[in-house]
């Protein structure tokens, strides 16, 4: 048994070392919790390599991981992404990698939590909104500055209205206006705001603890059902819910 535990620890050390080689991201495992940290100068702008690494982790997480917390160092959470496409031919490949990260957030079996200690903009707001749970300090702001560069944030617009409503999505992206932490709670962008980073750590710890008290399988089913229901008619959603309820009840009786 001790030998098996040693092998597991060695495998996890190798895994986290491999993941940590992506510049700008670090991975740290504590039991069933994985903490992923954005650590990059100049606002923690996401690179394509960071996007690929995060998407890969969300799609094929190590065994035993239940919750992942995405956090950041510095004054800002994430002020967007680096734009590296040099030619028109490069753009489709770049966009595909960005979409893959969005889809990985939606399809992962893990519960995702964002710890927002500073401002988020553009792609950074997307990281906050795509997570299952988000907690921010009250001084954090959220906005989409793309319109000021004569761009429409079309990738975000593909799903943003489902999170905060069509009118809020239009206003934020059409004007570049930022919203405060308190406003972000009101429109459903984050779950909770707190005063200080000390309070933020306590709030994240409390929510992670509550989540870990329940079944990862059930959480995965909840996430899957929520995602499916948004793409179905009400009648189809009820039919799917009924089927899954029957299957869940049968599974529970066999336990």
C-alpha atoms as a PDB file:
ATOM      1  CA  UNK A   1       0.000   0.000   0.000  1.00  0.00           C
ATOM      2  CA  UNK A   2       2.812   2.431   0.900  1.00  0.00           C
ATOM      3  CA  UNK A   3       4.514   1.615  -2.405  1.00  0.00           C
ATOM      4  CA  UNK A   4       1.297   2.393  -4.320  1.00  0.00           C
ATOM      5  CA  UNK A   5       0.901   5.701  -2.479  1.00  0.00           C
ATOM      6  CA  UNK A   6       4.500   6.552  -3.303  1.00  0.00           C
ATOM      7  CA  UNK A   7       3.893   5.796  -6.998  1.00  0.00           C
ATOM      8  CA  UNK A   8       0.747   7.964  -6.975  1.00  0.00           C
ATOM      9  CA  UNK A   9       2.678  10.842  -5.414  1.00  0.00           C
ATOM     10  CA  UNK A  10       5.463  10.464  -7.978  1.00  0.00           C
ATOM     11  CA  UNK A  11       2.948  10.417 -10.840  1.00  0.00           C
ATOM     12  CA  UNK A  12       1.212  13.534  -9.517  1.00  0.00           C
ATOM     13  CA  UNK A  13       4.546  15.319  -9.069  1.00  0.00           C
ATOM     14  CA  UNK A  14       5.417  14.482 -12.674  1.00  0.00           C
ATOM     15  CA  UNK A  15       1.986  15.704 -13.845  1.00  0.00           C
ATOM     16  CA  UNK A  16       2.106  19.025 -12.017  1.00  0.00           C
ATOM     17  CA  UNK A  17       5.708  19.589 -13.094  1.00  0.00           C
ATOM     18  CA  UNK A  18       4.686  19.016 -16.725  1.00  0.00           C
ATOM     19  CA  UNK A  19       1.690  21.338 -16.487  1.00  0.00           C
ATOM     20  CA  UNK A  20       3.721  24.019 -14.722  1.00  0.00           C
ATOM     21  CA  UNK A  21       6.132  24.235 -17.669  1.00  0.00           C
ATOM     22  CA  UNK A  22       3.626  26.389 -19.540  1.00  0.00           C
ATOM     23  CA  UNK A  23       4.798  29.943 -18.992  1.00  0.00           C
ATOM     24  CA  UNK A  24       2.189  31.994 -17.158  1.00  0.00           C
ATOM     25  CA  UNK A  25       0.354  29.083 -15.472  1.00  0.00           C
ATOM     26  CA  UNK A  26       1.111  27.049 -12.362  1.00  0.00           C
ATOM     27  CA  UNK A  27      -0.772  24.015 -11.064  1.00  0.00           C
ATOM     28  CA  UNK A  28      -0.949  22.939  -7.430  1.00  0.00           C
ATOM     29  CA  UNK A  29      -2.909  19.939  -6.165  1.00  0.00           C
ATOM     30  CA  UNK A  30      -4.277  19.528  -2.624  1.00  0.00           C
ATOM     31  CA  UNK A  31      -6.295  16.319  -2.392  1.00  0.00           C
ATOM     32  CA  UNK A  32      -9.296  16.604  -4.727  1.00  0.00           C
ATOM     33  CA  UNK A  33      -8.631  20.334  -5.308  1.00  0.00           C
ATOM     34  CA  UNK A  34      -6.458  21.703  -8.100  1.00  0.00           C
ATOM     35  CA  UNK A  35      -5.462  25.364  -7.910  1.00  0.00           C
ATOM     36  CA  UNK A  36      -4.427  26.912 -11.227  1.00  0.00           C
ATOM     37  CA  UNK A  37      -2.751  30.288 -11.030  1.00  0.00           C
ATOM     38  CA  UNK A  38      -2.361  32.924 -13.750  1.00  0.00           C
ATOM     39  CA  UNK A  39       1.079  34.405 -13.164  1.00  0.00           C
ATOM     40  CA  UNK A  40       2.154  36.653 -15.990  1.00  0.00           C
ATOM     41  CA  UNK A  41       3.306  40.294 -16.031  1.00  0.00           C
ATOM     42  CA  UNK A  42       1.207  43.004 -17.662  1.00  0.00           C
ATOM     43  CA  UNK A  43      -2.243  41.973 -16.543  1.00  0.00           C
ATOM     44  CA  UNK A  44      -2.076  38.168 -16.821  1.00  0.00           C
ATOM     45  CA  UNK A  45      -2.940  38.242 -20.517  1.00  0.00           C
ATOM     46  CA  UNK A  46      -3.745  34.707 -21.672  1.00  0.00           C
ATOM     47  CA  UNK A  47      -1.466  33.279 -24.358  1.00  0.00           C
ATOM     48  CA  UNK A  48      -2.561  30.533 -26.732  1.00  0.00           C
ATOM     49  CA  UNK A  49      -0.237  28.110 -24.949  1.00  0.00           C
ATOM     50  CA  UNK A  50      -1.912  28.964 -21.646  1.00  0.00           C
ATOM     51  CA  UNK A  51      -5.317  28.414 -23.253  1.00  0.00           C
ATOM     52  CA  UNK A  52      -4.210  25.033 -24.639  1.00  0.00           C
ATOM     53  CA  UNK A  53      -2.830  23.932 -21.272  1.00  0.00           C
ATOM     54  CA  UNK A  54      -5.939  24.939 -19.348  1.00  0.00           C
ATOM     55  CA  UNK A  55      -8.252  23.348 -21.930  1.00  0.00           C
ATOM     56  CA  UNK A  56      -6.249  20.122 -21.860  1.00  0.00           C
ATOM     57  CA  UNK A  57      -6.430  19.952 -18.086  1.00  0.00           C
ATOM     58  CA  UNK A  58     -10.187  20.560 -18.014  1.00  0.00           C
ATOM     59  CA  UNK A  59     -10.809  17.863 -20.647  1.00  0.00           C
ATOM     60  CA  UNK A  60      -8.549  15.192 -19.122  1.00  0.00           C
ATOM     61  CA  UNK A  61      -8.048  15.985 -15.432  1.00  0.00           C
ATOM     62  CA  UNK A  62      -6.046  13.641 -13.181  1.00  0.00           C
ATOM     63  CA  UNK A  63      -8.011  10.986 -11.341  1.00  0.00           C
ATOM     64  CA  UNK A  64      -9.500  12.179  -8.057  1.00  0.00           C
ATOM     65  CA  UNK A  65      -9.782  15.870  -8.924  1.00  0.00           C
ATOM     66  CA  UNK A  66     -13.218  17.287  -8.101  1.00  0.00           C
ATOM     67  CA  UNK A  67     -12.848  21.083  -7.894  1.00  0.00           C
ATOM     68  CA  UNK A  68     -10.513  23.459  -9.714  1.00  0.00           C
ATOM     69  CA  UNK A  69      -9.910  27.023  -8.544  1.00  0.00           C
ATOM     70  CA  UNK A  70      -8.603  29.508 -11.105  1.00  0.00           C
ATOM     71  CA  UNK A  71      -6.838  32.430  -9.454  1.00  0.00           C
ATOM     72  CA  UNK A  72      -4.243  35.047 -10.364  1.00  0.00           C
ATOM     73  CA  UNK A  73      -1.273  36.945  -8.983  1.00  0.00           C
ATOM     74  CA  UNK A  74      -0.768  40.690  -9.179  1.00  0.00           C
ATOM     75  CA  UNK A  75      -3.216  43.567  -9.201  1.00  0.00           C
ATOM     76  CA  UNK A  76      -5.364  42.270 -12.070  1.00  0.00           C
ATOM     77  CA  UNK A  77      -7.144  38.963 -12.510  1.00  0.00           C
ATOM     78  CA  UNK A  78      -6.875  38.839 -16.315  1.00  0.00           C
ATOM     79  CA  UNK A  79      -7.046  41.776 -18.711  1.00  0.00           C
ATOM     80  CA  UNK A  80      -7.651  39.742 -21.844  1.00  0.00           C
ATOM     81  CA  UNK A  81      -5.581  37.667 -24.234  1.00  0.00           C
ATOM     82  CA  UNK A  82      -2.553  38.164 -26.401  1.00  0.00           C
ATOM     83  CA  UNK A  83      -3.341  38.544 -30.103  1.00  0.00           C
ATOM     84  CA  UNK A  84      -0.637  36.758 -32.069  1.00  0.00           C
ATOM     85  CA  UNK A  85      -2.148  36.046 -35.498  1.00  0.00           C
ATOM     86  CA  UNK A  86       0.208  37.651 -38.007  1.00  0.00           C
ATOM     87  CA  UNK A  87      -1.706  36.827 -41.190  1.00  0.00           C
ATOM     88  CA  UNK A  88      -5.347  36.181 -42.157  1.00  0.00           C
ATOM     89  CA  UNK A  89      -4.463  32.474 -42.465  1.00  0.00           C
ATOM     90  CA  UNK A  90      -3.404  32.406 -38.806  1.00  0.00           C
ATOM     91  CA  UNK A  91      -6.721  33.735 -37.521  1.00  0.00           C
ATOM     92  CA  UNK A  92      -8.897  30.608 -37.929  1.00  0.00           C
ATOM     93  CA  UNK A  93      -6.366  28.468 -36.037  1.00  0.00           C
ATOM     94  CA  UNK A  94      -6.107  31.042 -33.254  1.00  0.00           C
ATOM     95  CA  UNK A  95      -9.885  31.321 -32.931  1.00  0.00           C
ATOM     96  CA  UNK A  96     -10.280  27.528 -32.886  1.00  0.00           C
ATOM     97  CA  UNK A  97      -7.913  27.287 -29.891  1.00  0.00           C
ATOM     98  CA  UNK A  98      -9.870  29.953 -28.042  1.00  0.00           C
ATOM     99  CA  UNK A  99     -13.157  28.191 -28.752  1.00  0.00           C
ATOM    100  CA  UNK A 100     -11.646  24.938 -27.503  1.00  0.00           C
ATOM    101  CA  UNK A 101     -11.025  26.504 -24.090  1.00  0.00           C
ATOM    102  CA  UNK A 102     -14.595  27.834 -23.935  1.00  0.00           C
ATOM    103  CA  UNK A 103     -15.913  24.377 -24.806  1.00  0.00           C
ATOM    104  CA  UNK A 104     -13.615  22.731 -22.261  1.00  0.00           C
ATOM    105  CA  UNK A 105     -15.117  24.879 -19.497  1.00  0.00           C
ATOM    106  CA  UNK A 106     -18.589  23.770 -20.569  1.00  0.00           C
ATOM    107  CA  UNK A 107     -17.789  20.080 -21.007  1.00  0.00           C
ATOM    108  CA  UNK A 108     -15.409  19.367 -18.122  1.00  0.00           C
ATOM    109  CA  UNK A 109     -16.502  16.971 -15.402  1.00  0.00           C
ATOM    110  CA  UNK A 110     -14.944  19.258 -12.777  1.00  0.00           C
ATOM    111  CA  UNK A 111     -16.547  22.036 -10.755  1.00  0.00           C
ATOM    112  CA  UNK A 112     -14.800  25.275 -11.731  1.00  0.00           C
ATOM    113  CA  UNK A 113     -14.342  28.229  -9.380  1.00  0.00           C
ATOM    114  CA  UNK A 114     -12.746  31.609 -10.093  1.00  0.00           C
ATOM    115  CA  UNK A 115     -11.097  33.711  -7.384  1.00  0.00           C
ATOM    116  CA  UNK A 116     -11.146  37.291  -8.709  1.00  0.00           C
ATOM    117  CA  UNK A 117      -8.754  39.510  -6.759  1.00  0.00           C
ATOM    118  CA  UNK A 118      -8.592  42.319  -9.337  1.00  0.00           C
ATOM    119  CA  UNK A 119      -9.966  43.708 -12.585  1.00  0.00           C
ATOM    120  CA  UNK A 120     -11.052  41.468 -15.444  1.00  0.00           C
ATOM    121  CA  UNK A 121     -11.424  42.550 -19.062  1.00  0.00           C
ATOM    122  CA  UNK A 122     -12.364  40.887 -22.333  1.00  0.00           C
ATOM    123  CA  UNK A 123     -11.219  37.268 -22.322  1.00  0.00           C
ATOM    124  CA  UNK A 124     -10.645  37.581 -18.572  1.00  0.00           C
ATOM    125  CA  UNK A 125     -14.338  38.301 -18.005  1.00  0.00           C
ATOM    126  CA  UNK A 126     -15.037  35.217 -20.083  1.00  0.00           C
ATOM    127  CA  UNK A 127     -12.968  33.094 -17.694  1.00  0.00           C
ATOM    128  CA  UNK A 128     -15.019  34.425 -14.785  1.00  0.00           C
ATOM    129  CA  UNK A 129     -18.379  33.945 -16.494  1.00  0.00           C
ATOM    130  CA  UNK A 130     -17.640  30.445 -17.782  1.00  0.00           C
ATOM    131  CA  UNK A 131     -16.836  29.110 -14.317  1.00  0.00           C
ATOM    132  CA  UNK A 132     -19.532  27.448 -12.200  1.00  0.00           C
ATOM    133  CA  UNK A 133     -18.757  29.657  -9.189  1.00  0.00           C
ATOM    134  CA  UNK A 134     -17.097  33.075  -9.012  1.00  0.00           C
ATOM    135  CA  UNK A 135     -16.182  35.229  -6.027  1.00  0.00           C
ATOM    136  CA  UNK A 136     -14.580  38.678  -6.350  1.00  0.00           C
ATOM    137  CA  UNK A 137     -13.366  41.550  -4.226  1.00  0.00           C
ATOM    138  CA  UNK A 138     -15.747  44.488  -4.311  1.00  0.00           C
ATOM    139  CA  UNK A 139     -13.154  46.750  -5.945  1.00  0.00           C
ATOM    140  CA  UNK A 140     -12.850  44.497  -9.012  1.00  0.00           C
ATOM    141  CA  UNK A 141     -14.320  45.737 -12.285  1.00  0.00           C
ATOM    142  CA  UNK A 142     -15.492  43.781 -15.324  1.00  0.00           C
ATOM    143  CA  UNK A 143     -15.708  45.000 -18.894  1.00  0.00           C
ATOM    144  CA  UNK A 144     -15.250  44.350 -22.600  1.00  0.00           C
ATOM    145  CA  UNK A 145     -12.978  47.008 -24.158  1.00  0.00           C
ATOM    146  CA  UNK A 146     -12.986  45.475 -27.655  1.00  0.00           C
ATOM    147  CA  UNK A 147     -15.465  48.042 -29.007  1.00  0.00           C
ATOM    148  CA  UNK A 148     -12.856  50.744 -28.370  1.00  0.00           C
ATOM    149  CA  UNK A 149     -10.603  48.853 -30.816  1.00  0.00           C
ATOM    150  CA  UNK A 150     -13.435  48.695 -33.390  1.00  0.00           C
ATOM    151  CA  UNK A 151     -13.998  45.013 -32.639  1.00  0.00           C
ATOM    152  CA  UNK A 152     -17.064  43.059 -31.564  1.00  0.00           C
ATOM    153  CA  UNK A 153     -16.207  40.325 -29.009  1.00  0.00           C
ATOM    154  CA  UNK A 154     -18.071  37.717 -31.043  1.00  0.00           C
ATOM    155  CA  UNK A 155     -16.766  34.656 -29.193  1.00  0.00           C
ATOM    156  CA  UNK A 156     -18.082  36.016 -25.922  1.00  0.00           C
ATOM    157  CA  UNK A 157     -21.359  37.059 -27.535  1.00  0.00           C
ATOM    158  CA  UNK A 158     -21.970  33.433 -28.528  1.00  0.00           C
ATOM    159  CA  UNK A 159     -22.890  32.649 -24.915  1.00  0.00           C
ATOM    160  CA  UNK A 160     -22.781  35.818 -22.777  1.00  0.00           C
ATOM    161  CA  UNK A 161     -26.502  36.602 -23.076  1.00  0.00           C
ATOM    162  CA  UNK A 162     -27.345  33.238 -21.510  1.00  0.00           C
ATOM    163  CA  UNK A 163     -25.357  34.256 -18.447  1.00  0.00           C
ATOM    164  CA  UNK A 164     -26.272  37.910 -17.875  1.00  0.00           C
ATOM    165  CA  UNK A 165     -29.200  38.527 -20.249  1.00  0.00           C
ATOM    166  CA  UNK A 166     -29.339  40.045 -23.737  1.00  0.00           C
ATOM    167  CA  UNK A 167     -29.640  43.695 -22.690  1.00  0.00           C
ATOM    168  CA  UNK A 168     -26.762  43.562 -20.225  1.00  0.00           C
ATOM    169  CA  UNK A 169     -24.641  41.676 -22.763  1.00  0.00           C
ATOM    170  CA  UNK A 170     -25.399  44.292 -25.420  1.00  0.00           C
ATOM    171  CA  UNK A 171     -24.671  47.281 -23.184  1.00  0.00           C
ATOM    172  CA  UNK A 172     -21.392  45.962 -21.829  1.00  0.00           C
ATOM    173  CA  UNK A 173     -20.028  44.954 -25.234  1.00  0.00           C
ATOM    174  CA  UNK A 174     -21.496  47.859 -27.232  1.00  0.00           C
ATOM    175  CA  UNK A 175     -20.137  50.604 -24.969  1.00  0.00           C
ATOM    176  CA  UNK A 176     -17.084  49.126 -23.276  1.00  0.00           C
ATOM    177  CA  UNK A 177     -18.592  50.146 -19.941  1.00  0.00           C
ATOM    178  CA  UNK A 178     -17.301  48.380 -16.846  1.00  0.00           C
ATOM    179  CA  UNK A 179     -19.415  47.048 -14.002  1.00  0.00           C
ATOM    180  CA  UNK A 180     -18.452  46.957 -10.352  1.00  0.00           C
ATOM    181  CA  UNK A 181     -18.292  43.867  -8.194  1.00  0.00           C
ATOM    182  CA  UNK A 182     -21.694  44.603  -6.684  1.00  0.00           C
ATOM    183  CA  UNK A 183     -23.238  45.088 -10.128  1.00  0.00           C
ATOM    184  CA  UNK A 184     -21.579  41.872 -11.303  1.00  0.00           C
ATOM    185  CA  UNK A 185     -23.450  40.005  -8.564  1.00  0.00           C
ATOM    186  CA  UNK A 186     -26.748  41.641  -9.520  1.00  0.00           C
ATOM    187  CA  UNK A 187     -26.496  40.589 -13.181  1.00  0.00           C
ATOM    188  CA  UNK A 188     -25.287  37.072 -12.382  1.00  0.00           C
ATOM    189  CA  UNK A 189     -21.679  37.422 -13.495  1.00  0.00           C
ATOM    190  CA  UNK A 190     -20.325  36.450 -10.055  1.00  0.00           C
ATOM    191  CA  UNK A 191     -21.870  34.757  -7.009  1.00  0.00           C
ATOM    192  CA  UNK A 192     -20.482  36.952  -4.253  1.00  0.00           C
ATOM    193  CA  UNK A 193     -18.278  39.969  -3.559  1.00  0.00           C
ATOM    194  CA  UNK A 194     -16.190  40.488  -0.446  1.00  0.00           C
ATOM    195  CA  UNK A 195     -14.223  43.419   0.930  1.00  0.00           C
ATOM    196  CA  UNK A 196     -10.616  42.210   1.088  1.00  0.00           C
ATOM    197  CA  UNK A 197      -8.361  39.451  -0.242  1.00  0.00           C
ATOM    198  CA  UNK A 198      -8.377  37.894   3.211  1.00  0.00           C
ATOM    199  CA  UNK A 199     -12.165  37.722   2.962  1.00  0.00           C
ATOM    200  CA  UNK A 200     -11.764  36.366  -0.564  1.00  0.00           C
ATOM    201  CA  UNK A 201      -9.587  33.484   0.626  1.00  0.00           C
ATOM    202  CA  UNK A 202     -12.114  32.652   3.339  1.00  0.00           C
ATOM    203  CA  UNK A 203     -15.040  32.752   0.912  1.00  0.00           C
ATOM    204  CA  UNK A 204     -13.288  30.526  -1.632  1.00  0.00           C
ATOM    205  CA  UNK A 205     -12.245  28.059   1.076  1.00  0.00           C
ATOM    206  CA  UNK A 206     -15.796  27.903   2.422  1.00  0.00           C
ATOM    207  CA  UNK A 207     -17.353  27.280  -0.973  1.00  0.00           C
ATOM    208  CA  UNK A 208     -14.763  24.658  -1.949  1.00  0.00           C
ATOM    209  CA  UNK A 209     -15.333  22.841   1.348  1.00  0.00           C
ATOM    210  CA  UNK A 210     -19.097  22.764   0.793  1.00  0.00           C
ATOM    211  CA  UNK A 211     -18.642  21.471  -2.755  1.00  0.00           C
ATOM    212  CA  UNK A 212     -16.254  18.733  -1.633  1.00  0.00           C
ATOM    213  CA  UNK A 213     -18.869  17.427   0.793  1.00  0.00           C
ATOM    214  CA  UNK A 214     -20.923  16.168  -2.148  1.00  0.00           C
ATOM    215  CA  UNK A 215     -20.478  13.655  -4.943  1.00  0.00           C
ATOM    216  CA  UNK A 216     -18.321  14.627  -7.934  1.00  0.00           C
ATOM    217  CA  UNK A 217     -20.534  12.396 -10.086  1.00  0.00           C
ATOM    218  CA  UNK A 218     -23.680  14.258  -9.034  1.00  0.00           C
ATOM    219  CA  UNK A 219     -21.997  17.602  -9.671  1.00  0.00           C
ATOM    220  CA  UNK A 220     -20.975  16.403 -13.125  1.00  0.00           C
ATOM    221  CA  UNK A 221     -24.582  15.371 -13.839  1.00  0.00           C
ATOM    222  CA  UNK A 222     -25.865  18.761 -12.663  1.00  0.00           C
ATOM    223  CA  UNK A 223     -23.433  20.588 -14.944  1.00  0.00           C
ATOM    224  CA  UNK A 224     -24.356  18.366 -17.883  1.00  0.00           C
ATOM    225  CA  UNK A 225     -28.088  18.875 -17.324  1.00  0.00           C
ATOM    226  CA  UNK A 226     -27.766  22.644 -17.031  1.00  0.00           C
ATOM    227  CA  UNK A 227     -25.786  22.767 -20.253  1.00  0.00           C
ATOM    228  CA  UNK A 228     -28.194  20.499 -22.123  1.00  0.00           C
ATOM    229  CA  UNK A 229     -31.280  22.363 -20.907  1.00  0.00           C
ATOM    230  CA  UNK A 230     -30.085  25.655 -22.400  1.00  0.00           C
ATOM    231  CA  UNK A 231     -30.009  24.088 -25.868  1.00  0.00           C
ATOM    232  CA  UNK A 232     -33.416  22.374 -25.729  1.00  0.00           C
ATOM    233  CA  UNK A 233     -37.024  23.433 -25.808  1.00  0.00           C
ATOM    234  CA  UNK A 234     -38.854  23.326 -22.473  1.00  0.00           C
ATOM    235  CA  UNK A 235     -40.625  20.110 -23.493  1.00  0.00           C
ATOM    236  CA  UNK A 236     -37.358  18.473 -24.564  1.00  0.00           C
ATOM    237  CA  UNK A 237     -35.666  19.607 -21.350  1.00  0.00           C
ATOM    238  CA  UNK A 238     -38.432  17.993 -19.257  1.00  0.00           C
ATOM    239  CA  UNK A 239     -38.116  14.736 -21.202  1.00  0.00           C
ATOM    240  CA  UNK A 240     -34.370  14.690 -20.679  1.00  0.00           C
ATOM    241  CA  UNK A 241     -34.794  15.553 -16.993  1.00  0.00           C
ATOM    242  CA  UNK A 242     -37.291  12.717 -16.524  1.00  0.00           C
ATOM    243  CA  UNK A 243     -34.974  10.182 -18.156  1.00  0.00           C
ATOM    244  CA  UNK A 244     -32.020  11.266 -16.062  1.00  0.00           C
ATOM    245  CA  UNK A 245     -34.073  11.291 -12.874  1.00  0.00           C
ATOM    246  CA  UNK A 246     -35.138   7.687 -13.480  1.00  0.00           C
ATOM    247  CA  UNK A 247     -31.565   6.614 -14.192  1.00  0.00           C
ATOM    248  CA  UNK A 248     -30.286   8.466 -11.135  1.00  0.00           C
ATOM    249  CA  UNK A 249     -32.906   6.902  -8.880  1.00  0.00           C
ATOM    250  CA  UNK A 250     -32.135   3.403 -10.180  1.00  0.00           C
ATOM    251  CA  UNK A 251     -28.418   3.952  -9.625  1.00  0.00           C
ATOM    252  CA  UNK A 252     -29.078   5.165  -6.079  1.00  0.00           C
ATOM    253  CA  UNK A 253     -31.169   2.079  -5.234  1.00  0.00           C
ATOM    254  CA  UNK A 254     -28.335  -0.199  -6.335  1.00  0.00           C
ATOM    255  CA  UNK A 255     -25.848   1.525  -4.009  1.00  0.00           C
END
